[in-house]
């Protein structure tokens, strides 16, 4: 599942068609964790920091809106691909945590209803 609204922005960085396809390829597996979400919007910013030649000079930031909830990840690395991998992993972690919280809330609610039905109040 590709993101229906994927907005990309380059700051001091030219986003090539290869980089667009790499972003799609890296973020596509997150679609499994977004099943059932209706309002999806993803904003990606890729940036080359300053004029220095070595060190952590590439920054990637993602803001993912899913049904009114914001999931955000940011990474600064020596290579743009590495920054994209880092934000993908961080978003995956956040989405899994949110899904498990939602599931545990549903289970707790179901248990409370079952207890009420069983014991009458």
N, C-alpha and C. Protein backbone atom coordinates (compact mmCIF):
# COMPACT_ATOMS: atom_id res chain seq x y z
N UNK A 1 0.84 -1.18 0.00
CA UNK A 1 0.00 0.00 0.00
C UNK A 1 0.88 1.23 0.00
N UNK A 2 0.77 2.04 -1.00
CA UNK A 2 1.50 3.30 -1.05
C UNK A 2 0.67 4.37 -0.34
N UNK A 3 1.34 5.38 0.14
CA UNK A 3 0.63 6.44 0.82
C UNK A 3 -0.15 7.26 -0.19
N UNK A 4 -1.43 7.50 0.06
CA UNK A 4 -2.23 8.26 -0.90
C UNK A 4 -1.76 9.71 -1.04
N UNK A 5 -1.32 10.31 0.05
CA UNK A 5 -0.82 11.68 -0.01
C UNK A 5 0.60 11.69 0.55
N UNK A 6 1.58 11.65 -0.32
CA UNK A 6 2.98 11.69 0.09
C UNK A 6 3.58 12.98 -0.45
N UNK A 7 3.77 13.95 0.41
CA UNK A 7 4.35 15.23 0.02
C UNK A 7 5.83 15.22 0.40
N UNK A 8 6.68 15.51 -0.57
CA UNK A 8 8.12 15.55 -0.30
C UNK A 8 8.64 16.96 -0.52
N UNK A 9 9.60 17.32 0.31
CA UNK A 9 10.20 18.64 0.24
C UNK A 9 11.70 18.48 0.41
N UNK A 10 12.47 19.16 -0.41
CA UNK A 10 13.92 19.14 -0.29
C UNK A 10 14.43 20.50 0.13
N UNK A 11 15.20 20.55 1.20
CA UNK A 11 15.81 21.79 1.67
C UNK A 11 17.31 21.66 1.44
N UNK A 12 17.84 22.49 0.55
CA UNK A 12 19.25 22.43 0.14
C UNK A 12 19.58 21.04 -0.43
N UNK A 13 18.59 20.38 -0.97
CA UNK A 13 18.77 19.02 -1.47
C UNK A 13 17.81 18.81 -2.64
N UNK A 14 18.34 18.37 -3.76
CA UNK A 14 17.51 18.10 -4.94
C UNK A 14 16.99 16.66 -4.85
N UNK A 15 15.67 16.51 -4.86
CA UNK A 15 15.06 15.19 -4.76
C UNK A 15 14.90 14.62 -6.17
N UNK A 16 15.67 13.61 -6.46
CA UNK A 16 15.65 12.99 -7.78
C UNK A 16 14.52 11.97 -7.87
N UNK A 17 14.17 11.56 -9.08
CA UNK A 17 13.15 10.50 -9.23
C UNK A 17 13.58 9.19 -8.54
N UNK A 18 14.89 8.91 -8.51
CA UNK A 18 15.37 7.72 -7.81
C UNK A 18 15.11 7.84 -6.31
N UNK A 19 15.26 9.04 -5.76
CA UNK A 19 15.01 9.24 -4.33
C UNK A 19 13.51 9.10 -4.04
N UNK A 20 12.66 9.57 -4.95
CA UNK A 20 11.21 9.38 -4.79
C UNK A 20 10.86 7.90 -4.76
N UNK A 21 11.44 7.13 -5.66
CA UNK A 21 11.14 5.70 -5.69
C UNK A 21 11.71 5.00 -4.46
N UNK A 22 12.89 5.44 -3.99
CA UNK A 22 13.46 4.87 -2.77
C UNK A 22 12.57 5.15 -1.57
N UNK A 23 12.04 6.35 -1.47
CA UNK A 23 11.11 6.70 -0.38
C UNK A 23 9.88 5.81 -0.43
N UNK A 24 9.30 5.67 -1.62
CA UNK A 24 8.11 4.80 -1.76
C UNK A 24 8.44 3.37 -1.35
N UNK A 25 9.59 2.89 -1.79
CA UNK A 25 10.00 1.52 -1.48
C UNK A 25 10.21 1.33 0.02
N UNK A 26 10.84 2.29 0.69
CA UNK A 26 11.15 2.18 2.11
C UNK A 26 9.91 2.35 2.99
N UNK A 27 8.98 3.22 2.59
CA UNK A 27 7.80 3.49 3.42
C UNK A 27 6.63 2.56 3.13
N UNK A 28 6.66 1.85 2.01
CA UNK A 28 5.56 0.97 1.64
C UNK A 28 5.26 -0.12 2.68
N UNK A 29 6.25 -0.77 3.30
CA UNK A 29 5.93 -1.81 4.30
C UNK A 29 5.15 -1.29 5.51
N UNK A 30 5.18 0.02 5.75
CA UNK A 30 4.41 0.58 6.86
C UNK A 30 2.90 0.52 6.58
N UNK A 31 2.54 0.29 5.33
CA UNK A 31 1.13 0.21 4.96
C UNK A 31 0.39 -0.89 5.70
N UNK A 32 1.07 -1.99 6.03
CA UNK A 32 0.43 -3.07 6.78
C UNK A 32 -0.03 -2.59 8.15
N UNK A 33 0.76 -1.71 8.75
CA UNK A 33 0.43 -1.21 10.09
C UNK A 33 -0.63 -0.12 10.04
N UNK A 34 -0.94 0.35 8.83
CA UNK A 34 -1.92 1.42 8.68
C UNK A 34 -3.25 0.93 8.13
N UNK A 35 -3.45 -0.38 8.07
CA UNK A 35 -4.71 -0.92 7.57
C UNK A 35 -5.86 -0.43 8.45
N UNK A 36 -6.93 -0.03 7.81
CA UNK A 36 -8.09 0.43 8.55
C UNK A 36 -8.08 1.92 8.82
N UNK A 37 -6.97 2.58 8.60
CA UNK A 37 -6.90 4.03 8.79
C UNK A 37 -7.43 4.69 7.52
N UNK A 38 -8.26 5.67 7.69
CA UNK A 38 -8.90 6.29 6.53
C UNK A 38 -8.18 7.56 6.06
N UNK A 39 -7.91 8.46 6.98
CA UNK A 39 -7.33 9.75 6.63
C UNK A 39 -5.82 9.70 6.79
N UNK A 40 -5.11 9.42 5.70
CA UNK A 40 -3.65 9.30 5.75
C UNK A 40 -3.01 10.45 4.98
N UNK A 41 -2.02 11.04 5.61
CA UNK A 41 -1.25 12.09 4.96
C UNK A 41 0.18 11.97 5.46
N UNK A 42 1.14 12.01 4.55
CA UNK A 42 2.54 11.84 4.93
C UNK A 42 3.36 12.97 4.33
N UNK A 43 4.09 13.68 5.19
CA UNK A 43 4.95 14.77 4.75
C UNK A 43 6.39 14.38 5.04
N UNK A 44 7.23 14.42 4.01
CA UNK A 44 8.63 14.04 4.14
C UNK A 44 9.49 15.24 3.77
N UNK A 45 10.47 15.52 4.62
CA UNK A 45 11.43 16.59 4.33
C UNK A 45 12.82 15.99 4.33
N UNK A 46 13.54 16.18 3.24
CA UNK A 46 14.92 15.73 3.11
C UNK A 46 15.79 16.97 3.03
N UNK A 47 16.87 16.98 3.81
CA UNK A 47 17.67 18.20 3.91
C UNK A 47 19.16 17.88 3.94
N UNK A 48 19.92 18.74 3.30
CA UNK A 48 21.38 18.70 3.43
C UNK A 48 21.73 19.89 4.32
N UNK A 49 22.39 19.58 5.44
CA UNK A 49 22.65 20.59 6.46
C UNK A 49 23.95 21.31 6.16
N UNK A 50 23.88 22.61 6.06
CA UNK A 50 25.06 23.47 5.99
C UNK A 50 25.99 23.18 4.84
N UNK A 51 27.20 23.69 4.98
CA UNK A 51 28.21 23.58 3.94
C UNK A 51 29.35 22.65 4.29
N UNK A 52 29.28 21.98 5.47
CA UNK A 52 30.42 21.14 5.83
C UNK A 52 30.47 19.87 4.98
N UNK A 53 31.65 19.30 4.90
CA UNK A 53 31.90 18.21 3.96
C UNK A 53 31.77 16.82 4.56
N UNK A 54 31.94 16.68 5.87
CA UNK A 54 31.90 15.35 6.47
C UNK A 54 31.07 15.39 7.74
N UNK A 55 30.77 14.21 8.26
CA UNK A 55 29.95 14.11 9.46
C UNK A 55 28.49 13.93 9.10
N UNK A 56 27.63 14.21 10.06
CA UNK A 56 26.19 14.03 9.86
C UNK A 56 25.63 15.23 9.12
N UNK A 57 25.51 15.08 7.79
CA UNK A 57 25.10 16.22 6.99
C UNK A 57 23.74 16.04 6.33
N UNK A 58 23.13 14.86 6.43
CA UNK A 58 21.82 14.63 5.82
C UNK A 58 20.78 14.40 6.90
N UNK A 59 19.63 15.08 6.74
CA UNK A 59 18.55 14.96 7.71
C UNK A 59 17.28 14.59 6.98
N UNK A 60 16.55 13.65 7.56
CA UNK A 60 15.25 13.25 7.02
C UNK A 60 14.22 13.35 8.14
N UNK A 61 13.06 13.87 7.80
CA UNK A 61 11.99 14.04 8.78
C UNK A 61 10.68 13.61 8.14
N UNK A 62 9.87 12.88 8.90
CA UNK A 62 8.57 12.43 8.42
C UNK A 62 7.51 12.79 9.44
N UNK A 63 6.42 13.37 8.97
CA UNK A 63 5.22 13.60 9.77
C UNK A 63 4.11 12.80 9.11
N UNK A 64 3.61 11.81 9.82
CA UNK A 64 2.56 10.94 9.29
C UNK A 64 1.29 11.17 10.10
N UNK A 65 0.25 11.61 9.42
CA UNK A 65 -1.05 11.82 10.05
C UNK A 65 -1.95 10.66 9.68
N UNK A 66 -2.46 9.95 10.68
CA UNK A 66 -3.36 8.82 10.44
C UNK A 66 -4.57 8.97 11.35
N UNK A 67 -5.71 9.25 10.78
CA UNK A 67 -6.96 9.45 11.54
C UNK A 67 -6.78 10.47 12.65
N UNK A 68 -6.10 11.58 12.35
CA UNK A 68 -5.95 12.64 13.32
C UNK A 68 -4.82 12.47 14.31
N UNK A 69 -4.08 11.37 14.25
CA UNK A 69 -2.96 11.12 15.14
C UNK A 69 -1.66 11.40 14.39
N UNK A 70 -0.75 12.11 15.03
CA UNK A 70 0.52 12.43 14.41
C UNK A 70 1.59 11.44 14.85
N UNK A 71 2.27 10.86 13.88
CA UNK A 71 3.44 10.02 14.12
C UNK A 71 4.61 10.73 13.45
N UNK A 72 5.67 10.97 14.22
CA UNK A 72 6.77 11.78 13.73
C UNK A 72 8.10 11.08 13.95
N UNK A 73 8.99 11.21 12.97
CA UNK A 73 10.33 10.64 13.08
C UNK A 73 11.32 11.59 12.42
N UNK A 74 12.52 11.64 12.99
CA UNK A 74 13.57 12.49 12.45
C UNK A 74 14.91 11.81 12.65
N UNK A 75 15.79 11.95 11.67
CA UNK A 75 17.10 11.33 11.76
C UNK A 75 18.13 12.17 11.01
N UNK A 76 19.33 12.25 11.58
CA UNK A 76 20.45 12.94 10.94
C UNK A 76 21.60 11.94 10.84
N UNK A 77 22.07 11.70 9.61
CA UNK A 77 23.11 10.70 9.38
C UNK A 77 24.09 11.19 8.31
N UNK A 78 25.07 10.35 8.05
CA UNK A 78 26.09 10.67 7.05
C UNK A 78 25.62 10.39 5.63
N UNK A 79 24.61 9.54 5.47
CA UNK A 79 24.06 9.23 4.16
C UNK A 79 22.54 9.37 4.21
N UNK A 80 21.96 9.86 3.11
CA UNK A 80 20.51 10.07 3.07
C UNK A 80 19.76 8.74 3.19
N UNK A 81 20.26 7.69 2.57
CA UNK A 81 19.60 6.39 2.63
C UNK A 81 19.54 5.87 4.07
N UNK A 82 20.61 6.11 4.81
CA UNK A 82 20.66 5.68 6.21
C UNK A 82 19.65 6.47 7.04
N UNK A 83 19.49 7.75 6.76
CA UNK A 83 18.50 8.57 7.46
C UNK A 83 17.09 8.07 7.17
N UNK A 84 16.83 7.70 5.94
CA UNK A 84 15.51 7.18 5.56
C UNK A 84 15.23 5.86 6.26
N UNK A 85 16.24 4.99 6.33
CA UNK A 85 16.08 3.72 7.05
C UNK A 85 15.76 3.97 8.52
N UNK A 86 16.45 4.93 9.13
CA UNK A 86 16.22 5.24 10.55
C UNK A 86 14.80 5.74 10.79
N UNK A 87 14.30 6.62 9.92
CA UNK A 87 12.94 7.14 10.14
C UNK A 87 11.90 6.06 9.90
N UNK A 88 12.19 5.16 8.95
CA UNK A 88 11.26 4.05 8.72
C UNK A 88 11.16 3.17 9.96
N UNK A 89 12.31 2.84 10.55
CA UNK A 89 12.32 1.99 11.74
C UNK A 89 11.63 2.68 12.92
N UNK A 90 11.86 3.98 13.07
CA UNK A 90 11.23 4.71 14.17
C UNK A 90 9.71 4.79 13.99
N UNK A 91 9.27 5.04 12.76
CA UNK A 91 7.83 5.07 12.50
C UNK A 91 7.19 3.71 12.73
N UNK A 92 7.88 2.65 12.33
CA UNK A 92 7.37 1.30 12.55
C UNK A 92 7.19 1.04 14.04
N UNK A 93 8.17 1.45 14.82
CA UNK A 93 8.10 1.29 16.27
C UNK A 93 6.90 2.04 16.85
N UNK A 94 6.71 3.29 16.43
CA UNK A 94 5.61 4.10 16.93
C UNK A 94 4.25 3.52 16.53
N UNK A 95 4.13 3.07 15.29
CA UNK A 95 2.86 2.51 14.82
C UNK A 95 2.52 1.21 15.53
N UNK A 96 3.52 0.36 15.75
CA UNK A 96 3.26 -0.90 16.48
C UNK A 96 2.83 -0.62 17.91
N UNK A 97 3.47 0.35 18.54
CA UNK A 97 3.10 0.71 19.91
C UNK A 97 1.67 1.24 19.97
N UNK A 98 1.30 2.09 19.02
CA UNK A 98 -0.06 2.64 19.01
C UNK A 98 -1.09 1.54 18.75
N UNK A 99 -0.78 0.61 17.85
CA UNK A 99 -1.71 -0.49 17.57
C UNK A 99 -1.87 -1.40 18.77
N UNK A 100 -0.78 -1.67 19.49
CA UNK A 100 -0.90 -2.55 20.65
C UNK A 100 -1.67 -1.86 21.77
N UNK A 101 -1.52 -0.54 21.92
CA UNK A 101 -2.30 0.20 22.90
C UNK A 101 -3.79 0.12 22.56
N UNK A 102 -4.10 0.28 21.29
CA UNK A 102 -5.50 0.23 20.84
C UNK A 102 -6.09 -1.16 21.09
N UNK A 103 -5.32 -2.19 20.80
CA UNK A 103 -5.80 -3.56 21.01
C UNK A 103 -6.01 -3.85 22.49
N UNK A 104 -5.09 -3.40 23.34
CA UNK A 104 -5.24 -3.67 24.77
C UNK A 104 -6.44 -2.92 25.33
N UNK A 105 -6.73 -1.74 24.81
CA UNK A 105 -7.90 -0.98 25.24
C UNK A 105 -9.18 -1.72 24.85
N UNK A 106 -9.22 -2.28 23.66
CA UNK A 106 -10.38 -3.04 23.21
C UNK A 106 -10.56 -4.28 24.08
N UNK A 107 -9.47 -4.97 24.37
CA UNK A 107 -9.55 -6.17 25.21
C UNK A 107 -10.01 -5.83 26.62
N UNK A 108 -9.51 -4.74 27.19
CA UNK A 108 -9.94 -4.34 28.53
C UNK A 108 -11.42 -4.00 28.55
N UNK A 109 -11.89 -3.31 27.50
CA UNK A 109 -13.31 -2.98 27.43
C UNK A 109 -14.17 -4.22 27.32
N UNK A 110 -13.74 -5.17 26.50
CA UNK A 110 -14.47 -6.42 26.36
C UNK A 110 -14.50 -7.21 27.66
N UNK A 111 -13.40 -7.20 28.38
CA UNK A 111 -13.34 -7.91 29.67
C UNK A 111 -14.29 -7.26 30.67
N UNK A 112 -14.34 -5.93 30.69
CA UNK A 112 -15.23 -5.23 31.61
C UNK A 112 -16.69 -5.55 31.31
N UNK A 113 -17.04 -5.58 30.04
CA UNK A 113 -18.42 -5.92 29.66
C UNK A 113 -18.74 -7.35 30.06
N UNK A 114 -17.82 -8.25 29.82
CA UNK A 114 -18.03 -9.66 30.18
C UNK A 114 -18.21 -9.82 31.68
N UNK A 115 -17.38 -9.11 32.47
CA UNK A 115 -17.53 -9.17 33.93
C UNK A 115 -18.88 -8.63 34.39
N UNK A 116 -19.32 -7.54 33.76
CA UNK A 116 -20.62 -6.97 34.12
C UNK A 116 -21.75 -7.95 33.81
N UNK A 117 -21.66 -8.59 32.68
CA UNK A 117 -22.69 -9.54 32.29
C UNK A 117 -22.67 -10.78 33.20
N UNK A 118 -21.49 -11.19 33.56
CA UNK A 118 -21.33 -12.39 34.38
C UNK A 118 -21.82 -12.15 35.81
N UNK A 119 -21.44 -11.02 36.39
CA UNK A 119 -21.74 -10.79 37.80
C UNK A 119 -22.88 -9.79 38.01
N UNK A 120 -23.43 -9.28 36.95
CA UNK A 120 -24.60 -8.42 37.06
C UNK A 120 -24.30 -7.03 37.59
N UNK A 121 -23.12 -6.49 37.33
CA UNK A 121 -22.92 -5.12 37.71
C UNK A 121 -21.63 -4.87 38.28
